[in-house]
Amino acid sequence: MPDARDVSPYDALLLLSFGGPEGPDDVVPFLENVTRGRGIPKERLKEVGQHYFLFGGVSPINDQNRALLDALRKDFAEHGLDLPVYWGNRNWAPYLTDTLREMVRDGRRRILVLATSAYASYSGCRQYRENLADALAALEAEGLELPKVDKLRHYFNHPGFLEPMIDGVLRSLAELPEDVRDGAHLAFSTHSIPTASADTSGPVEEHGDGGAYVKQHLDVAQQIADAVRERTGVDHPWQLVYQSRSGAPHIPWLEPDICDHLDERHAAGVPAVVIAPIGFVSDHMEVLYDLDTEAKARAEELGLPMRRSATVGADPRFAAAVRELVTERAAVERGQDVTPCALGALGASHNLCPVGCCPARAPRPVAAGADSTYA
């Protein structure tokens, strides 16, 4: 077993996330960042931004990242890990490039990255690696000494990620009226992506129908459903469903949509539904709007009792999981034999993204992978 406090050769951890607006004036500039290069007019962005304006123009994701930062720092301190934790975003302040610049000026030379996406996909992994490469290129152009950057493996099947979600489903079931509780259907929800992106997610050998993205979500859903059955004695039917579709309507995306699924389950006579957002680390805008607003309204129209279970957020078990992932990866880098912690049928994900993993539509420089532009 690796030393539970030894994080060498790493000298910092970077929490890398999507970012979100923190006021009404931020919404359109934020969406311009998200959609840059796609030629979407500002008026259309204002329409899309209505989701944010419903919540005062504030996305909850930045506050949730602050809470996760606090949880990580607290856990590290309590367990003797001398590893500073920084935070940078893809699309809003604090921007990734600014944070990496700060880290370099602080003398950080070996950086581990925790992305707030647990699964394999272009948008959930490779795009972050492209962002890291862009940031490193900007620092190189400034004449700064570049750090070596590695990314923590996908953690979808780590017990510290799974256990909080299992508890969330159990709590939601307990909140349902007793007469519909045992017959409740479990809808495990994640972000829809184009089927072409799903089919090419993960290493090349996993490409195919749904790729690693669908396979990993199905594995998580099965583990949660099995745990619920073991702890309640009730075998709840379940299905993987999708939400937050965007883009041109003629391009196929993963289905069924959560609201369509609620219609279908109601028509089939299901007495209640628990929606479990397993694809999301925290309760950010897609969860608040697509589930707590749209899906909730649809369930109320149908007269279908519905509860939405909690995401992992800043749960101390998740912070502990990150600590374990850090010391595990550090031990690997030191050349030690390590048995990675993972539940379910798929085993632990790769530490180093291989060539051809979650490919982009057009080749772009990447960091933290076998095909890294920056060694």
Protein backbone atom coordinates (compact mmCIF):
# COMPACT_ATOMS: atom_id res chain seq x y z
CA MET A 1 0.00 0.00 0.00
CA PRO A 2 1.29 3.52 -0.76
CA ASP A 3 2.18 5.85 2.09
CA ALA A 4 -1.10 7.59 2.94
CA ARG A 5 0.71 10.94 3.36
CA ASP A 6 3.35 10.80 0.61
CA VAL A 7 2.29 12.88 -2.39
CA SER A 8 5.73 13.16 -4.00
CA PRO A 9 6.57 13.92 -6.75
CA TYR A 10 3.54 16.24 -6.83
CA ASP A 11 3.58 19.67 -5.24
CA ALA A 12 0.02 20.91 -5.97
CA LEU A 13 -3.49 19.83 -6.89
CA LEU A 14 -5.58 21.81 -9.39
CA LEU A 15 -9.38 21.62 -9.22
CA LEU A 16 -10.43 22.15 -12.84
CA SER A 17 -14.08 22.92 -13.54
CA PHE A 18 -16.49 24.42 -16.06
CA GLY A 19 -17.23 27.73 -14.38
CA GLY A 20 -20.43 29.76 -14.36
CA PRO A 21 -21.79 33.31 -14.14
CA GLU A 22 -22.08 34.97 -10.74
CA GLY A 23 -24.49 37.77 -11.68
CA PRO A 24 -26.85 38.88 -14.48
CA ASP A 25 -24.15 40.89 -16.26
CA ASP A 26 -21.97 37.78 -16.46
CA VAL A 27 -24.47 35.54 -18.26
CA VAL A 28 -23.97 36.53 -21.90
CA PRO A 29 -20.16 36.92 -21.63
CA PHE A 30 -20.03 33.51 -19.97
CA LEU A 31 -22.11 31.94 -22.76
CA GLU A 32 -19.87 33.65 -25.31
CA ASN A 33 -16.93 31.88 -23.70
CA VAL A 34 -18.75 28.54 -23.77
CA THR A 35 -19.77 28.86 -27.43
CA ARG A 36 -16.73 30.70 -28.81
CA GLY A 37 -16.02 29.80 -32.43
CA ARG A 38 -19.54 28.57 -33.18
CA GLY A 39 -20.88 31.86 -34.56
CA ILE A 40 -23.94 31.99 -32.28
CA PRO A 41 -25.49 35.50 -32.27
CA LYS A 42 -25.77 37.43 -29.02
CA GLU A 43 -29.58 37.50 -29.20
CA ARG A 44 -29.64 33.70 -29.23
CA LEU A 45 -27.31 33.63 -26.24
CA LYS A 46 -29.71 35.91 -24.36
CA GLU A 47 -32.48 33.39 -25.03
CA VAL A 48 -30.32 30.52 -23.80
CA GLY A 49 -29.37 32.60 -20.76
CA GLN A 50 -32.95 32.66 -19.51
CA HIS A 51 -32.16 29.53 -17.52
CA TYR A 52 -29.60 31.55 -15.57
CA PHE A 53 -31.77 34.67 -15.29
CA LEU A 54 -34.42 32.54 -13.54
CA PHE A 55 -31.86 32.13 -10.76
CA GLY A 56 -30.72 35.75 -10.63
CA GLY A 57 -28.03 35.22 -13.28
CA VAL A 58 -26.03 33.11 -10.86
CA SER A 59 -24.87 29.57 -11.51
CA PRO A 60 -24.38 27.60 -8.30
CA ILE A 61 -21.29 25.82 -9.64
CA ASN A 62 -18.69 28.32 -8.39
CA ASP A 63 -19.99 28.26 -4.82
CA GLN A 64 -20.09 24.48 -5.00
CA ASN A 65 -16.48 24.43 -6.13
CA ARG A 66 -15.57 26.70 -3.22
CA ALA A 67 -17.24 24.23 -0.87
CA LEU A 68 -15.33 21.34 -2.48
CA LEU A 69 -12.08 23.27 -2.14
CA ASP A 70 -12.77 23.75 1.56
CA ALA A 71 -13.60 20.05 1.96
CA LEU A 72 -10.41 18.97 0.17
CA ARG A 73 -8.19 21.30 2.16
CA LYS A 74 -9.79 20.18 5.41
CA ASP A 75 -9.40 16.49 4.57
CA PHE A 76 -5.80 16.92 3.43
CA ALA A 77 -4.89 18.80 6.60
CA GLU A 78 -6.55 16.23 8.85
CA HIS A 79 -4.64 13.40 7.14
CA GLY A 80 -1.23 15.06 7.00
CA LEU A 81 -1.10 15.74 3.26
CA ASP A 82 1.06 18.76 2.55
CA LEU A 83 -0.46 19.57 -0.83
CA PRO A 84 -1.85 23.01 -1.70
CA VAL A 85 -5.10 23.03 -3.70
CA TYR A 86 -5.78 25.60 -6.42
CA TRP A 87 -8.87 26.19 -8.56
CA GLY A 88 -9.27 27.15 -12.21
CA ASN A 89 -12.20 27.17 -14.65
CA ARG A 90 -12.65 26.61 -18.35
CA ASN A 91 -15.21 29.35 -18.98
CA TRP A 92 -15.25 31.85 -16.09
CA ALA A 93 -13.13 33.32 -13.35
CA PRO A 94 -10.93 32.08 -11.89
CA TYR A 95 -9.71 31.20 -15.38
CA LEU A 96 -7.46 28.18 -15.87
CA THR A 97 -4.62 30.12 -17.48
CA ASP A 98 -4.56 32.65 -14.64
CA THR A 99 -4.49 29.89 -12.04
CA LEU A 100 -1.71 27.97 -13.79
CA ARG A 101 0.31 31.19 -14.02
CA GLU A 102 -0.17 31.69 -10.26
CA MET A 103 0.92 28.11 -9.62
CA VAL A 104 4.08 28.51 -11.69
CA ARG A 105 4.94 31.75 -9.91
CA ASP A 106 4.41 29.94 -6.61
CA GLY A 107 7.05 27.44 -7.70
CA ARG A 108 4.77 24.49 -8.50
CA ARG A 109 6.45 22.09 -10.92
CA ARG A 110 4.47 18.81 -10.72
CA ILE A 111 0.72 19.38 -10.78
CA LEU A 112 -2.12 16.88 -10.45
CA VAL A 113 -5.48 17.85 -11.92
CA LEU A 114 -8.91 16.89 -10.59
CA ALA A 115 -11.59 17.57 -13.21
CA THR A 116 -15.19 17.90 -12.00
CA SER A 117 -16.28 15.23 -14.46
CA ALA A 118 -16.23 11.59 -13.40
CA TYR A 119 -16.70 9.88 -16.76
CA ALA A 120 -14.94 9.44 -20.10
CA SER A 121 -16.09 11.68 -22.95
CA TYR A 122 -14.72 14.43 -25.16
CA SER A 123 -16.37 17.24 -23.19
CA GLY A 124 -15.72 15.58 -19.82
CA CYS A 125 -12.06 14.71 -20.33
CA ARG A 126 -10.26 15.45 -23.58
CA GLN A 127 -11.60 19.00 -23.84
CA TYR A 128 -10.18 19.74 -20.40
CA ARG A 129 -6.86 18.33 -21.63
CA GLU A 130 -7.08 20.69 -24.61
CA ASN A 131 -7.76 23.56 -22.22
CA LEU A 132 -4.67 22.61 -20.21
CA ALA A 133 -2.57 22.58 -23.38
CA ASP A 134 -3.92 26.02 -24.38
CA ALA A 135 -3.07 27.40 -20.94
CA LEU A 136 0.43 25.91 -21.04
CA ALA A 137 0.97 27.37 -24.50
CA ALA A 138 -0.01 30.81 -23.20
CA LEU A 139 2.48 30.50 -20.32
CA GLU A 140 5.18 29.30 -22.71
CA ALA A 141 4.57 32.38 -24.87
CA GLU A 142 5.12 34.50 -21.74
CA GLY A 143 8.49 32.84 -21.20
CA LEU A 144 7.47 31.03 -18.01
CA GLU A 145 8.91 27.68 -17.01
CA LEU A 146 6.23 25.08 -17.69
CA PRO A 147 5.18 22.58 -15.02
CA LYS A 148 4.49 18.90 -15.72
CA VAL A 149 0.75 18.32 -15.50
CA ASP A 150 -1.02 14.99 -14.89
CA LYS A 151 -4.75 14.31 -14.62
CA LEU A 152 -6.33 12.03 -12.03
CA ARG A 153 -8.12 9.01 -13.46
CA HIS A 154 -11.89 8.82 -13.87
CA TYR A 155 -13.47 8.23 -10.48
CA PHE A 156 -17.04 7.20 -11.41
CA ASN A 157 -16.66 3.82 -9.65
CA HIS A 158 -14.67 4.91 -6.60
CA PRO A 159 -16.62 4.10 -3.41
CA GLY A 160 -16.20 7.70 -2.21
CA PHE A 161 -18.17 8.84 -5.25
CA LEU A 162 -20.72 6.01 -5.20
CA GLU A 163 -21.64 5.89 -1.52
CA PRO A 164 -23.00 9.46 -1.27
CA MET A 165 -25.18 8.80 -4.32
CA ILE A 166 -26.49 5.55 -2.85
CA ASP A 167 -27.40 7.38 0.35
CA GLY A 168 -29.09 10.10 -1.69
CA VAL A 169 -31.33 7.60 -3.48
CA LEU A 170 -32.21 5.92 -0.19
CA ARG A 171 -33.17 9.28 1.35
CA SER A 172 -35.30 10.17 -1.66
CA LEU A 173 -37.12 6.84 -1.53
CA ALA A 174 -37.80 7.39 2.17
CA GLU A 175 -39.34 10.79 1.37
CA LEU A 176 -41.93 9.26 -0.98
CA PRO A 177 -45.39 8.39 0.36
CA GLU A 178 -45.29 4.92 1.81
CA ASP A 179 -47.99 3.57 -0.51
CA VAL A 180 -45.90 4.29 -3.65
CA ARG A 181 -42.39 3.84 -2.25
CA ASP A 182 -41.79 0.16 -3.04
CA GLY A 183 -43.05 0.55 -6.60
CA ALA A 184 -40.91 3.59 -7.36
CA HIS A 185 -38.86 3.61 -10.55
CA LEU A 186 -35.26 4.86 -10.47
CA ALA A 187 -34.26 7.19 -13.32
CA PHE A 188 -30.48 7.60 -13.40
CA SER A 189 -29.82 10.83 -15.26
CA THR A 190 -26.75 12.23 -16.98
CA HIS A 191 -25.89 14.86 -19.57
CA SER A 192 -26.89 13.89 -23.09
CA ILE A 193 -24.12 14.13 -25.67
CA PRO A 194 -24.08 13.51 -29.43
CA THR A 195 -24.19 9.78 -30.14
CA ALA A 196 -21.07 10.17 -32.28
CA SER A 197 -19.19 11.53 -29.25
CA ALA A 198 -20.52 8.77 -27.02
CA ASP A 199 -19.55 6.07 -29.52
CA THR A 200 -15.93 7.26 -29.56
CA SER A 201 -15.60 7.87 -25.81
CA GLY A 202 -12.88 6.08 -23.90
CA PRO A 203 -9.90 4.17 -25.33
CA VAL A 204 -10.15 2.92 -28.90
CA GLU A 205 -10.89 -0.65 -27.82
CA GLU A 206 -14.01 0.59 -26.00
CA HIS A 207 -15.39 2.53 -28.96
CA GLY A 208 -18.74 1.34 -30.29
CA ASP A 209 -22.39 1.74 -29.38
CA GLY A 210 -22.34 4.33 -26.57
CA GLY A 211 -18.64 3.81 -25.92
CA ALA A 212 -17.15 4.11 -22.46
CA TYR A 213 -19.50 7.00 -21.59
CA VAL A 214 -22.65 4.88 -21.62
CA LYS A 215 -20.89 1.78 -20.29
CA GLN A 216 -19.56 3.64 -17.25
CA HIS A 217 -22.92 5.22 -16.43
CA LEU A 218 -24.69 1.88 -16.73
CA ASP A 219 -22.14 0.35 -14.36
CA VAL A 220 -22.74 3.11 -11.79
CA ALA A 221 -26.52 2.82 -12.12
CA GLN A 222 -26.35 -0.94 -11.63
CA GLN A 223 -24.19 -0.60 -8.53
CA ILE A 224 -26.56 1.94 -6.97
CA ALA A 225 -29.64 -0.14 -7.79
CA ASP A 226 -27.97 -3.25 -6.34
CA ALA A 227 -27.02 -1.38 -3.16
CA VAL A 228 -30.56 -0.04 -2.76
CA ARG A 229 -31.95 -3.58 -3.13
CA GLU A 230 -29.48 -4.94 -0.56
CA ARG A 231 -30.33 -2.22 1.99
CA THR A 232 -34.10 -2.07 1.52
CA GLY A 233 -35.03 -5.53 0.30
CA VAL A 234 -36.84 -3.94 -2.66
CA ASP A 235 -35.72 -4.46 -6.26
CA HIS A 236 -36.59 -1.17 -7.95
CA PRO A 237 -36.73 -1.08 -11.76
CA TRP A 238 -34.37 1.47 -13.28
CA GLN A 239 -33.19 3.07 -16.51
CA LEU A 240 -30.39 5.37 -17.64
CA VAL A 241 -31.87 8.60 -19.04
CA TYR A 242 -30.50 11.86 -20.38
CA GLN A 243 -30.98 15.60 -19.99
CA SER A 244 -29.63 19.00 -21.08
CA ARG A 245 -29.55 18.28 -24.80
CA SER A 246 -28.39 21.20 -26.94
CA GLY A 247 -27.27 21.70 -30.52
CA ALA A 248 -28.84 21.23 -33.93
CA PRO A 249 -31.98 19.04 -33.87
CA HIS A 250 -30.85 16.95 -36.86
CA ILE A 251 -27.79 15.64 -34.97
CA PRO A 252 -28.56 12.45 -32.97
CA TRP A 253 -28.03 12.74 -29.22
CA LEU A 254 -28.36 10.12 -26.49
CA GLU A 255 -31.96 9.40 -25.46
CA PRO A 256 -34.46 9.13 -23.79
CA ASP A 257 -34.84 12.63 -22.45
CA ILE A 258 -35.85 12.73 -18.78
CA CYS A 259 -39.18 14.47 -19.42
CA ASP A 260 -40.12 12.03 -22.19
CA HIS A 261 -39.15 9.24 -19.83
CA LEU A 262 -41.48 10.57 -17.14
CA ASP A 263 -44.32 10.58 -19.68
CA GLU A 264 -43.57 6.99 -20.64
CA ARG A 265 -43.27 5.74 -17.06
CA HIS A 266 -46.52 7.44 -16.08
CA ALA A 267 -48.29 5.88 -19.07
CA ALA A 268 -46.93 2.49 -17.98
CA GLY A 269 -48.53 2.91 -14.54
CA VAL A 270 -45.41 3.53 -12.47
CA PRO A 271 -46.58 4.99 -9.11
CA ALA A 272 -43.50 7.20 -8.39
CA VAL A 273 -40.05 8.09 -9.65
CA VAL A 274 -36.73 8.95 -8.02
CA ILE A 275 -34.38 10.86 -10.33
CA ALA A 276 -30.72 10.31 -9.49
CA PRO A 277 -28.36 12.71 -11.33
CA ILE A 278 -25.37 10.34 -11.39
CA GLY A 279 -23.63 12.20 -14.21
CA PHE A 280 -23.01 15.36 -12.17
CA VAL A 281 -20.59 16.04 -9.34
CA SER A 282 -22.69 18.87 -7.89
CA ASP A 283 -26.10 20.57 -8.14
CA HIS A 284 -25.14 23.02 -10.87
CA MET A 285 -27.44 24.68 -13.41
CA GLU A 286 -28.33 21.58 -15.43
CA VAL A 287 -29.55 19.92 -12.25
CA LEU A 288 -31.41 22.97 -10.94
CA TYR A 289 -33.13 23.79 -14.22
CA ASP A 290 -33.54 20.52 -16.13
CA LEU A 291 -34.46 18.42 -13.11
CA ASP A 292 -35.64 20.68 -10.27
CA THR A 293 -37.56 22.96 -12.64
CA GLU A 294 -38.54 21.26 -15.91
CA ALA A 295 -38.72 17.62 -14.80
CA LYS A 296 -40.41 18.56 -11.54
CA ALA A 297 -43.04 20.56 -13.44
CA ARG A 298 -43.66 17.66 -15.81
CA ALA A 299 -44.09 15.22 -12.92
CA GLU A 300 -46.55 17.59 -11.24
CA GLU A 301 -48.54 17.89 -14.49
CA LEU A 302 -48.73 14.11 -14.64
CA GLY A 303 -49.62 13.76 -10.97
CA LEU A 304 -46.55 11.53 -10.63
CA PRO A 305 -44.84 11.61 -7.21
CA MET A 306 -41.16 12.43 -7.85
CA ARG A 307 -38.09 13.05 -5.76
CA ARG A 308 -34.64 14.10 -6.92
CA SER A 309 -31.68 12.65 -5.04
CA ALA A 310 -28.59 14.63 -4.12
CA THR A 311 -25.35 14.83 -6.03
CA VAL A 312 -22.02 14.14 -4.33
CA GLY A 313 -21.01 17.80 -3.93
CA ALA A 314 -18.57 18.41 -1.11
CA ASP A 315 -19.41 15.21 0.79
CA PRO A 316 -16.46 14.30 3.06
CA ARG A 317 -16.38 10.82 1.50
CA PHE A 318 -15.72 12.37 -1.89
CA ALA A 319 -12.96 14.55 -0.46
CA ALA A 320 -11.44 11.40 1.05
CA ALA A 321 -11.72 9.67 -2.33
CA VAL A 322 -9.77 12.49 -3.96
CA ARG A 323 -7.07 12.14 -1.31
CA GLU A 324 -6.86 8.41 -2.03
CA LEU A 325 -6.68 9.06 -5.78
CA VAL A 326 -3.86 11.55 -5.20
CA THR A 327 -1.74 9.22 -3.07
CA GLU A 328 -2.49 6.33 -5.43
CA ARG A 329 -1.28 8.28 -8.47
CA ALA A 330 1.74 9.61 -6.59
CA ALA A 331 2.75 6.05 -5.70
CA VAL A 332 2.41 5.02 -9.34
CA GLU A 333 4.67 7.90 -10.37
CA ARG A 334 7.24 6.73 -7.79
CA GLY A 335 7.20 3.27 -9.39
CA GLN A 336 5.36 1.45 -6.59
CA ASP A 337 2.91 -1.38 -7.13
CA VAL A 338 -0.59 -0.11 -6.41
CA THR A 339 -3.98 -1.79 -6.31
CA PRO A 340 -6.38 0.99 -7.36
CA CYS A 341 -9.67 1.32 -5.51
CA ALA A 342 -12.68 0.71 -7.76
CA LEU A 343 -16.04 -1.04 -7.48
CA GLY A 344 -18.22 -2.67 -10.11
CA ALA A 345 -17.52 -4.63 -13.25
CA LEU A 346 -15.25 -2.21 -15.11
CA GLY A 347 -12.31 -1.84 -12.76
CA ALA A 348 -10.15 1.24 -12.36
CA SER A 349 -9.78 3.60 -15.30
CA HIS A 350 -6.43 4.34 -16.92
CA ASN A 351 -4.06 6.88 -15.35
CA LEU A 352 -2.81 8.11 -18.71
CA CYS A 353 -5.30 8.78 -21.50
CA PRO A 354 -4.12 6.68 -24.49
CA VAL A 355 -3.83 7.83 -28.08
CA GLY A 356 -7.27 7.88 -29.71
CA CYS A 357 -9.14 8.23 -26.42
CA CYS A 358 -12.25 10.47 -26.75
CA PRO A 359 -11.00 12.06 -30.01
CA ALA A 360 -11.85 15.60 -31.06
CA ARG A 361 -13.48 16.41 -34.38
CA ALA A 362 -10.22 18.05 -35.46
CA PRO A 363 -6.81 17.38 -33.91
CA ARG A 364 -5.78 19.89 -31.23
CA PRO A 365 -2.85 19.99 -28.80
CA VAL A 366 -3.53 18.24 -25.49
CA ALA A 367 -1.82 17.82 -22.14
CA ALA A 368 -1.82 15.02 -19.55
CA GLY A 369 -2.03 12.05 -21.89
CA ALA A 370 0.00 9.62 -23.98
CA ASP A 371 -0.34 12.05 -26.88
CA SER A 372 0.49 15.09 -24.75
CA THR A 373 2.00 18.09 -26.48
CA TYR A 374 3.73 18.98 -23.22
CA ALA A 375 5.76 16.15 -21.67
